[in-house]
Amino acid sequence: MSGEPSGALVFLGASGDLAFKQILPALYALVRRRRLEVPVVGVAKVGWSVEQLRQRARDSVAEHTALDDRVFGRLASLLHYVDGDHR
């Protein structure tokens, strides 16, 4: 491996419980530790906008850890949303 960063991180099921309880808080923690700087693409089939995904992420982080608005702003800037089915 060359050690070059990935182009993006993609996670499926962005609207689900696993994302809310585990993935989004973990992504926030990575951003807080400055270990995540690539675009993060959430995929779900719920017809959301990227702003709705960002709000879901904010709600998740606020429920599961102490929310720092500066850190969350960095995470929010990395978040993107794709509406679709992975099949």
PDB file of N, CA and C in Angstrom:
ATOM      1  N   MET A   1       0.838  -1.182   0.000  1.00  0.00           N
ATOM      2  CA  MET A   1       0.000   0.000   0.000  1.00  0.00           C
ATOM      3  C   MET A   1       0.880   1.241   0.000  1.00  0.00           C
ATOM      4  N   SER A   2       0.427   2.256  -0.708  1.00  0.00           N
ATOM      5  CA  SER A   2       1.225   3.464  -0.861  1.00  0.00           C
ATOM      6  C   SER A   2       1.039   4.469   0.266  1.00  0.00           C
ATOM      7  N   GLY A   3       0.022   4.316   1.088  1.00  0.00           N
ATOM      8  CA  GLY A   3      -0.232   5.263   2.148  1.00  0.00           C
ATOM      9  C   GLY A   3      -1.010   6.483   1.707  1.00  0.00           C
ATOM     10  N   GLU A   4      -1.452   6.505   0.457  1.00  0.00           N
ATOM     11  CA  GLU A   4      -2.250   7.624  -0.026  1.00  0.00           C
ATOM     12  C   GLU A   4      -3.665   7.517   0.530  1.00  0.00           C
ATOM     13  N   PRO A   5      -4.284   8.656   0.843  1.00  0.00           N
ATOM     14  CA  PRO A   5      -5.638   8.613   1.399  1.00  0.00           C
ATOM     15  C   PRO A   5      -6.661   8.148   0.373  1.00  0.00           C
ATOM     16  N   SER A   6      -7.745   7.589   0.861  1.00  0.00           N
ATOM     17  CA  SER A   6      -8.848   7.178   0.002  1.00  0.00           C
ATOM     18  C   SER A   6      -9.514   8.400  -0.590  1.00  0.00           C
ATOM     19  N   GLY A   7     -10.245   8.182  -1.692  1.00  0.00           N
ATOM     20  CA  GLY A   7     -10.953   9.278  -2.325  1.00  0.00           C
ATOM     21  C   GLY A   7     -12.212   9.661  -1.581  1.00  0.00           C
ATOM     22  N   ALA A   8     -12.868   8.691  -0.928  1.00  0.00           N
ATOM     23  CA  ALA A   8     -14.099   8.953  -0.184  1.00  0.00           C
ATOM     24  C   ALA A   8     -14.421   7.744   0.680  1.00  0.00           C
ATOM     25  N   LEU A   9     -15.231   7.965   1.691  1.00  0.00           N
ATOM     26  CA  LEU A   9     -15.753   6.891   2.517  1.00  0.00           C
ATOM     27  C   LEU A   9     -17.251   6.832   2.241  1.00  0.00           C
ATOM     28  N   VAL A  10     -17.755   5.662   1.897  1.00  0.00           N
ATOM     29  CA  VAL A  10     -19.168   5.475   1.585  1.00  0.00           C
ATOM     30  C   VAL A  10     -19.766   4.523   2.604  1.00  0.00           C
ATOM     31  N   PHE A  11     -20.918   4.892   3.175  1.00  0.00           N
ATOM     32  CA  PHE A  11     -21.604   3.953   4.060  1.00  0.00           C
ATOM     33  C   PHE A  11     -23.061   3.824   3.632  1.00  0.00           C
ATOM     34  N   LEU A  12     -23.518   2.595   3.631  1.00  0.00           N
ATOM     35  CA  LEU A  12     -24.886   2.265   3.232  1.00  0.00           C
ATOM     36  C   LEU A  12     -25.791   2.296   4.457  1.00  0.00           C
ATOM     37  N   GLY A  13     -27.067   2.520   4.223  1.00  0.00           N
ATOM     38  CA  GLY A  13     -28.018   2.529   5.330  1.00  0.00           C
ATOM     39  C   GLY A  13     -27.922   3.784   6.167  1.00  0.00           C
ATOM     40  N   ALA A  14     -27.678   4.909   5.541  1.00  0.00           N
ATOM     41  CA  ALA A  14     -27.460   6.166   6.262  1.00  0.00           C
ATOM     42  C   ALA A  14     -28.648   6.584   7.119  1.00  0.00           C
ATOM     43  N   SER A  15     -29.839   6.113   6.777  1.00  0.00           N
ATOM     44  CA  SER A  15     -31.028   6.493   7.538  1.00  0.00           C
ATOM     45  C   SER A  15     -31.361   5.515   8.667  1.00  0.00           C
ATOM     46  N   GLY A  16     -30.608   4.450   8.793  1.00  0.00           N
ATOM     47  CA  GLY A  16     -30.938   3.395   9.743  1.00  0.00           C
ATOM     48  C   GLY A  16     -30.402   3.586  11.148  1.00  0.00           C
ATOM     49  N   ASP A  17     -30.821   2.668  12.026  1.00  0.00           N
ATOM     50  CA  ASP A  17     -30.414   2.704  13.429  1.00  0.00           C
ATOM     51  C   ASP A  17     -28.912   2.510  13.623  1.00  0.00           C
ATOM     52  N   LEU A  18     -28.291   1.630  12.845  1.00  0.00           N
ATOM     53  CA  LEU A  18     -26.850   1.403  12.993  1.00  0.00           C
ATOM     54  C   LEU A  18     -26.086   2.693  12.708  1.00  0.00           C
ATOM     55  N   ALA A  19     -26.482   3.398  11.668  1.00  0.00           N
ATOM     56  CA  ALA A  19     -25.836   4.674  11.362  1.00  0.00           C
ATOM     57  C   ALA A  19     -26.049   5.663  12.501  1.00  0.00           C
ATOM     58  N   PHE A  20     -27.264   5.750  13.002  1.00  0.00           N
ATOM     59  CA  PHE A  20     -27.594   6.711  14.059  1.00  0.00           C
ATOM     60  C   PHE A  20     -26.857   6.407  15.354  1.00  0.00           C
ATOM     61  N   LYS A  21     -26.812   5.140  15.728  1.00  0.00           N
ATOM     62  CA  LYS A  21     -26.245   4.772  17.021  1.00  0.00           C
ATOM     63  C   LYS A  21     -24.735   4.569  17.010  1.00  0.00           C
ATOM     64  N   GLN A  22     -24.176   4.163  15.868  1.00  0.00           N
ATOM     65  CA  GLN A  22     -22.761   3.795  15.846  1.00  0.00           C
ATOM     66  C   GLN A  22     -21.932   4.550  14.810  1.00  0.00           C
ATOM     67  N   ILE A  23     -22.372   4.536  13.559  1.00  0.00           N
ATOM     68  CA  ILE A  23     -21.533   5.059  12.480  1.00  0.00           C
ATOM     69  C   ILE A  23     -21.345   6.569  12.578  1.00  0.00           C
ATOM     70  N   LEU A  24     -22.421   7.313  12.719  1.00  0.00           N
ATOM     71  CA  LEU A  24     -22.299   8.771  12.766  1.00  0.00           C
ATOM     72  C   LEU A  24     -21.494   9.253  13.980  1.00  0.00           C
ATOM     73  N   PRO A  25     -21.719   8.696  15.180  1.00  0.00           N
ATOM     74  CA  PRO A  25     -20.854   9.097  16.305  1.00  0.00           C
ATOM     75  C   PRO A  25     -19.383   8.721  16.080  1.00  0.00           C
ATOM     76  N   ALA A  26     -19.142   7.581  15.439  1.00  0.00           N
ATOM     77  CA  ALA A  26     -17.764   7.174  15.159  1.00  0.00           C
ATOM     78  C   ALA A  26     -17.108   8.114  14.153  1.00  0.00           C
ATOM     79  N   LEU A  27     -17.858   8.523  13.132  1.00  0.00           N
ATOM     80  CA  LEU A  27     -17.319   9.475  12.161  1.00  0.00           C
ATOM     81  C   LEU A  27     -16.986  10.802  12.841  1.00  0.00           C
ATOM     82  N   TYR A  28     -17.860  11.250  13.721  1.00  0.00           N
ATOM     83  CA  TYR A  28     -17.626  12.474  14.481  1.00  0.00           C
ATOM     84  C   TYR A  28     -16.332  12.350  15.297  1.00  0.00           C
ATOM     85  N   ALA A  29     -16.151  11.215  15.953  1.00  0.00           N
ATOM     86  CA  ALA A  29     -14.946  11.001  16.755  1.00  0.00           C
ATOM     87  C   ALA A  29     -13.690  11.030  15.879  1.00  0.00           C
ATOM     88  N   LEU A  30     -13.774  10.460  14.690  1.00  0.00           N
ATOM     89  CA  LEU A  30     -12.632  10.498  13.773  1.00  0.00           C
ATOM     90  C   LEU A  30     -12.310  11.927  13.346  1.00  0.00           C
ATOM     91  N   VAL A  31     -13.333  12.709  13.074  1.00  0.00           N
ATOM     92  CA  VAL A  31     -13.113  14.109  12.701  1.00  0.00           C
ATOM     93  C   VAL A  31     -12.516  14.868  13.883  1.00  0.00           C
ATOM     94  N   ARG A  32     -13.034  14.634  15.079  1.00  0.00           N
ATOM     95  CA  ARG A  32     -12.514  15.300  16.285  1.00  0.00           C
ATOM     96  C   ARG A  32     -11.028  15.009  16.477  1.00  0.00           C
ATOM     97  N   ARG A  33     -10.631  13.781  16.162  1.00  0.00           N
ATOM     98  CA  ARG A  33      -9.212  13.388  16.305  1.00  0.00           C
ATOM     99  C   ARG A  33      -8.383  13.718  15.066  1.00  0.00           C
ATOM    100  N   ARG A  34      -9.022  14.388  14.087  1.00  0.00           N
ATOM    101  CA  ARG A  34      -8.366  14.761  12.830  1.00  0.00           C
ATOM    102  C   ARG A  34      -7.849  13.543  12.062  1.00  0.00           C
ATOM    103  N   ARG A  35      -8.625  12.468  12.099  1.00  0.00           N
ATOM    104  CA  ARG A  35      -8.271  11.239  11.394  1.00  0.00           C
ATOM    105  C   ARG A  35      -9.148  11.021  10.163  1.00  0.00           C
ATOM    106  N   LEU A  36     -10.078  11.917   9.906  1.00  0.00           N
ATOM    107  CA  LEU A  36     -10.991  11.787   8.770  1.00  0.00           C
ATOM    108  C   LEU A  36     -11.067  13.126   8.063  1.00  0.00           C
ATOM    109  N   GLU A  37     -10.624  13.138   6.808  1.00  0.00           N
ATOM    110  CA  GLU A  37     -10.621  14.380   6.041  1.00  0.00           C
ATOM    111  C   GLU A  37     -11.115  14.173   4.621  1.00  0.00           C
ATOM    112  N   VAL A  38     -11.639  12.995   4.316  1.00  0.00           N
ATOM    113  CA  VAL A  38     -12.144  12.711   2.971  1.00  0.00           C
ATOM    114  C   VAL A  38     -13.661  12.861   2.951  1.00  0.00           C
ATOM    115  N   PRO A  39     -14.245  13.053   1.774  1.00  0.00           N
ATOM    116  CA  PRO A  39     -15.707  13.108   1.700  1.00  0.00           C
ATOM    117  C   PRO A  39     -16.334  11.828   2.250  1.00  0.00           C
ATOM    118  N   VAL A  40     -17.471  11.989   2.926  1.00  0.00           N
ATOM    119  CA  VAL A  40     -18.222  10.868   3.490  1.00  0.00           C
ATOM    120  C   VAL A  40     -19.584  10.857   2.806  1.00  0.00           C
ATOM    121  N   VAL A  41     -19.890   9.753   2.130  1.00  0.00           N
ATOM    122  CA  VAL A  41     -21.123   9.646   1.355  1.00  0.00           C
ATOM    123  C   VAL A  41     -22.059   8.659   2.040  1.00  0.00           C
ATOM    124  N   GLY A  42     -23.192   9.155   2.494  1.00  0.00           N
ATOM    125  CA  GLY A  42     -24.228   8.310   3.069  1.00  0.00           C
ATOM    126  C   GLY A  42     -25.216   7.927   1.980  1.00  0.00           C
ATOM    127  N   VAL A  43     -25.540   6.635   1.900  1.00  0.00           N
ATOM    128  CA  VAL A  43     -26.472   6.129   0.896  1.00  0.00           C
ATOM    129  C   VAL A  43     -27.697   5.568   1.600  1.00  0.00           C
ATOM    130  N   ALA A  44     -28.869   5.978   1.164  1.00  0.00           N
ATOM    131  CA  ALA A  44     -30.128   5.452   1.700  1.00  0.00           C
ATOM    132  C   ALA A  44     -31.212   5.703   0.665  1.00  0.00           C
ATOM    133  N   LYS A  45     -32.310   5.027   0.822  1.00  0.00           N
ATOM    134  CA  LYS A  45     -33.425   5.204  -0.106  1.00  0.00           C
ATOM    135  C   LYS A  45     -34.613   5.798   0.652  1.00  0.00           C
ATOM    136  N   VAL A  46     -34.431   7.044   1.103  1.00  0.00           N
ATOM    137  CA  VAL A  46     -35.496   7.713   1.847  1.00  0.00           C
ATOM    138  C   VAL A  46     -35.837   9.084   1.275  1.00  0.00           C
ATOM    139  N   GLY A  47     -35.174   9.476   0.201  1.00  0.00           N
ATOM    140  CA  GLY A  47     -35.488  10.746  -0.438  1.00  0.00           C
ATOM    141  C   GLY A  47     -35.012  11.978   0.313  1.00  0.00           C
ATOM    142  N   TRP A  48     -33.957  11.821   1.108  1.00  0.00           N
ATOM    143  CA  TRP A  48     -33.430  12.949   1.858  1.00  0.00           C
ATOM    144  C   TRP A  48     -32.646  13.904   0.973  1.00  0.00           C
ATOM    145  N   SER A  49     -32.400  15.085   1.516  1.00  0.00           N
ATOM    146  CA  SER A  49     -31.409  16.009   0.975  1.00  0.00           C
ATOM    147  C   SER A  49     -30.147  15.861   1.832  1.00  0.00           C
ATOM    148  N   VAL A  50     -29.061  16.449   1.393  1.00  0.00           N
ATOM    149  CA  VAL A  50     -27.843  16.397   2.204  1.00  0.00           C
ATOM    150  C   VAL A  50     -28.073  17.134   3.530  1.00  0.00           C
ATOM    151  N   GLU A  51     -28.897  18.164   3.522  1.00  0.00           N
ATOM    152  CA  GLU A  51     -29.186  18.878   4.770  1.00  0.00           C
ATOM    153  C   GLU A  51     -29.920  17.987   5.765  1.00  0.00           C
ATOM    154  N   GLN A  52     -30.792  17.119   5.278  1.00  0.00           N
ATOM    155  CA  GLN A  52     -31.491  16.191   6.173  1.00  0.00           C
ATOM    156  C   GLN A  52     -30.517  15.172   6.761  1.00  0.00           C
ATOM    157  N   LEU A  53     -29.554  14.710   5.975  1.00  0.00           N
ATOM    158  CA  LEU A  53     -28.533  13.810   6.505  1.00  0.00           C
ATOM    159  C   LEU A  53     -27.701  14.529   7.558  1.00  0.00           C
ATOM    160  N   ARG A  54     -27.334  15.763   7.293  1.00  0.00           N
ATOM    161  CA  ARG A  54     -26.551  16.528   8.267  1.00  0.00           C
ATOM    162  C   ARG A  54     -27.329  16.737   9.563  1.00  0.00           C
ATOM    163  N   GLN A  55     -28.618  16.972   9.472  1.00  0.00           N
ATOM    164  CA  GLN A  55     -29.432  17.121  10.684  1.00  0.00           C
ATOM    165  C   GLN A  55     -29.513  15.802  11.446  1.00  0.00           C
ATOM    166  N   ARG A  56     -29.664  14.708  10.720  1.00  0.00           N
ATOM    167  CA  ARG A  56     -29.680  13.376  11.352  1.00  0.00           C
ATOM    168  C   ARG A  56     -28.351  13.121  12.061  1.00  0.00           C
ATOM    169  N   ALA A  57     -27.254  13.522  11.423  1.00  0.00           N
ATOM    170  CA  ALA A  57     -25.934  13.355  12.031  1.00  0.00           C
ATOM    171  C   ALA A  57     -25.825  14.205  13.298  1.00  0.00           C
ATOM    172  N   ARG A  58     -26.294  15.440  13.249  1.00  0.00           N
ATOM    173  CA  ARG A  58     -26.246  16.313  14.426  1.00  0.00           C
ATOM    174  C   ARG A  58     -27.055  15.711  15.571  1.00  0.00           C
ATOM    175  N   ASP A  59     -28.257  15.232  15.259  1.00  0.00           N
ATOM    176  CA  ASP A  59     -29.099  14.611  16.291  1.00  0.00           C
ATOM    177  C   ASP A  59     -28.401  13.400  16.901  1.00  0.00           C
ATOM    178  N   SER A  60     -27.771  12.600  16.051  1.00  0.00           N
ATOM    179  CA  SER A  60     -27.074  11.408  16.515  1.00  0.00           C
ATOM    180  C   SER A  60     -25.921  11.761  17.445  1.00  0.00           C
ATOM    181  N   VAL A  61     -25.093  12.680  17.007  1.00  0.00           N
ATOM    182  CA  VAL A  61     -23.928  13.061  17.813  1.00  0.00           C
ATOM    183  C   VAL A  61     -24.382  13.666  19.136  1.00  0.00           C
ATOM    184  N   ALA A  62     -25.374  14.535  19.096  1.00  0.00           N
ATOM    185  CA  ALA A  62     -25.864  15.170  20.325  1.00  0.00           C
ATOM    186  C   ALA A  62     -26.413  14.144  21.306  1.00  0.00           C
ATOM    187  N   GLU A  63     -27.009  13.086  20.796  1.00  0.00           N
ATOM    188  CA  GLU A  63     -27.566  12.053  21.670  1.00  0.00           C
ATOM    189  C   GLU A  63     -26.500  11.126  22.239  1.00  0.00           C
ATOM    190  N   HIS A  64     -25.387  10.948  21.535  1.00  0.00           N
ATOM    191  CA  HIS A  64     -24.416   9.933  21.927  1.00  0.00           C
ATOM    192  C   HIS A  64     -23.100  10.456  22.481  1.00  0.00           C
ATOM    193  N   THR A  65     -22.848  11.751  22.371  1.00  0.00           N
ATOM    194  CA  THR A  65     -21.596  12.302  22.892  1.00  0.00           C
ATOM    195  C   THR A  65     -21.759  13.810  23.054  1.00  0.00           C
ATOM    196  N   ALA A  66     -20.741  14.452  23.606  1.00  0.00           N
ATOM    197  CA  ALA A  66     -20.771  15.908  23.747  1.00  0.00           C
ATOM    198  C   ALA A  66     -20.533  16.543  22.377  1.00  0.00           C
ATOM    199  N   LEU A  67     -21.418  17.423  21.979  1.00  0.00           N
ATOM    200  CA  LEU A  67     -21.361  18.049  20.660  1.00  0.00           C
ATOM    201  C   LEU A  67     -20.542  19.329  20.719  1.00  0.00           C
ATOM    202  N   ASP A  68     -19.508  19.381  19.904  1.00  0.00           N
ATOM    203  CA  ASP A  68     -18.703  20.591  19.714  1.00  0.00           C
ATOM    204  C   ASP A  68     -19.063  21.120  18.325  1.00  0.00           C
ATOM    205  N   ASP A  69     -19.619  22.313  18.246  1.00  0.00           N
ATOM    206  CA  ASP A  69     -20.101  22.845  16.972  1.00  0.00           C
ATOM    207  C   ASP A  69     -18.990  22.986  15.930  1.00  0.00           C
ATOM    208  N   ARG A  70     -17.784  23.330  16.354  1.00  0.00           N
ATOM    209  CA  ARG A  70     -16.673  23.443  15.390  1.00  0.00           C
ATOM    210  C   ARG A  70     -16.344  22.086  14.785  1.00  0.00           C
ATOM    211  N   VAL A  71     -16.267  21.070  15.610  1.00  0.00           N
ATOM    212  CA  VAL A  71     -15.980  19.717  15.110  1.00  0.00           C
ATOM    213  C   VAL A  71     -17.124  19.245  14.229  1.00  0.00           C
ATOM    214  N   PHE A  72     -18.358  19.461  14.693  1.00  0.00           N
ATOM    215  CA  PHE A  72     -19.482  19.017  13.881  1.00  0.00           C
ATOM    216  C   PHE A  72     -19.511  19.751  12.540  1.00  0.00           C
ATOM    217  N   GLY A  73     -19.148  21.005  12.524  1.00  0.00           N
ATOM    218  CA  GLY A  73     -19.095  21.752  11.267  1.00  0.00           C
ATOM    219  C   GLY A  73     -18.137  21.123  10.275  1.00  0.00           C
ATOM    220  N   ARG A  74     -17.003  20.625  10.770  1.00  0.00           N
ATOM    221  CA  ARG A  74     -16.051  19.932   9.884  1.00  0.00           C
ATOM    222  C   ARG A  74     -16.664  18.643   9.355  1.00  0.00           C
ATOM    223  N   LEU A  75     -17.340  17.875  10.234  1.00  0.00           N
ATOM    224  CA  LEU A  75     -17.999  16.653   9.772  1.00  0.00           C
ATOM    225  C   LEU A  75     -19.077  16.995   8.751  1.00  0.00           C
ATOM    226  N   ALA A  76     -19.908  17.969   9.044  1.00  0.00           N
ATOM    227  CA  ALA A  76     -21.001  18.337   8.141  1.00  0.00           C
ATOM    228  C   ALA A  76     -20.473  18.725   6.765  1.00  0.00           C
ATOM    229  N   SER A  77     -19.334  19.382   6.726  1.00  0.00           N
ATOM    230  CA  SER A  77     -18.772  19.792   5.438  1.00  0.00           C
ATOM    231  C   SER A  77     -18.294  18.602   4.610  1.00  0.00           C
ATOM    232  N   LEU A  78     -18.032  17.487   5.267  1.00  0.00           N
ATOM    233  CA  LEU A  78     -17.591  16.280   4.563  1.00  0.00           C
ATOM    234  C   LEU A  78     -18.759  15.423   4.084  1.00  0.00           C
ATOM    235  N   LEU A  79     -19.932  15.603   4.696  1.00  0.00           N
ATOM    236  CA  LEU A  79     -21.078  14.731   4.410  1.00  0.00           C
ATOM    237  C   LEU A  79     -21.732  15.032   3.063  1.00  0.00           C
ATOM    238  N   HIS A  80     -22.046  13.964   2.360  1.00  0.00           N
ATOM    239  CA  HIS A  80     -22.790  14.001   1.104  1.00  0.00           C
ATOM    240  C   HIS A  80     -23.842  12.905   1.170  1.00  0.00           C
ATOM    241  N   TYR A  81     -24.880  13.021   0.360  1.00  0.00           N
ATOM    242  CA  TYR A  81     -25.964  12.038   0.386  1.00  0.00           C
ATOM    243  C   TYR A  81     -26.289  11.568  -1.025  1.00  0.00           C
ATOM    244  N   VAL A  82     -26.465  10.265  -1.162  1.00  0.00           N
ATOM    245  CA  VAL A  82     -26.924   9.669  -2.421  1.00  0.00           C
ATOM    246  C   VAL A  82     -28.188   8.875  -2.109  1.00  0.00           C
ATOM    247  N   ASP A  83     -29.258   9.209  -2.803  1.00  0.00           N
ATOM    248  CA  ASP A  83     -30.511   8.495  -2.629  1.00  0.00           C
ATOM    249  C   ASP A  83     -30.516   7.324  -3.596  1.00  0.00           C
ATOM    250  N   GLY A  84     -30.567   6.123  -3.059  1.00  0.00           N
ATOM    251  CA  GLY A  84     -30.580   4.967  -3.940  1.00  0.00           C
ATOM    252  C   GLY A  84     -30.489   3.662  -3.181  1.00  0.00           C
ATOM    253  N   ASP A  85     -30.557   2.612  -3.922  1.00  0.00           N
ATOM    254  CA  ASP A  85     -30.505   1.250  -3.407  1.00  0.00           C
ATOM    255  C   ASP A  85     -29.172   0.648  -3.824  1.00  0.00           C
ATOM    256  N   HIS A  86     -28.506  -0.018  -2.924  1.00  0.00           N
ATOM    257  CA  HIS A  86     -27.188  -0.580  -3.219  1.00  0.00           C
ATOM    258  C   HIS A  86     -27.237  -1.839  -4.073  1.00  0.00           C
ATOM    259  N   ARG A  87     -28.427  -2.360  -4.355  1.00  0.00           N
ATOM    260  CA  ARG A  87     -28.529  -3.586  -5.138  1.00  0.00           C
ATOM    261  C   ARG A  87     -28.358  -3.352  -6.598  1.00  0.00           C
TER     262      ARG A  87
END
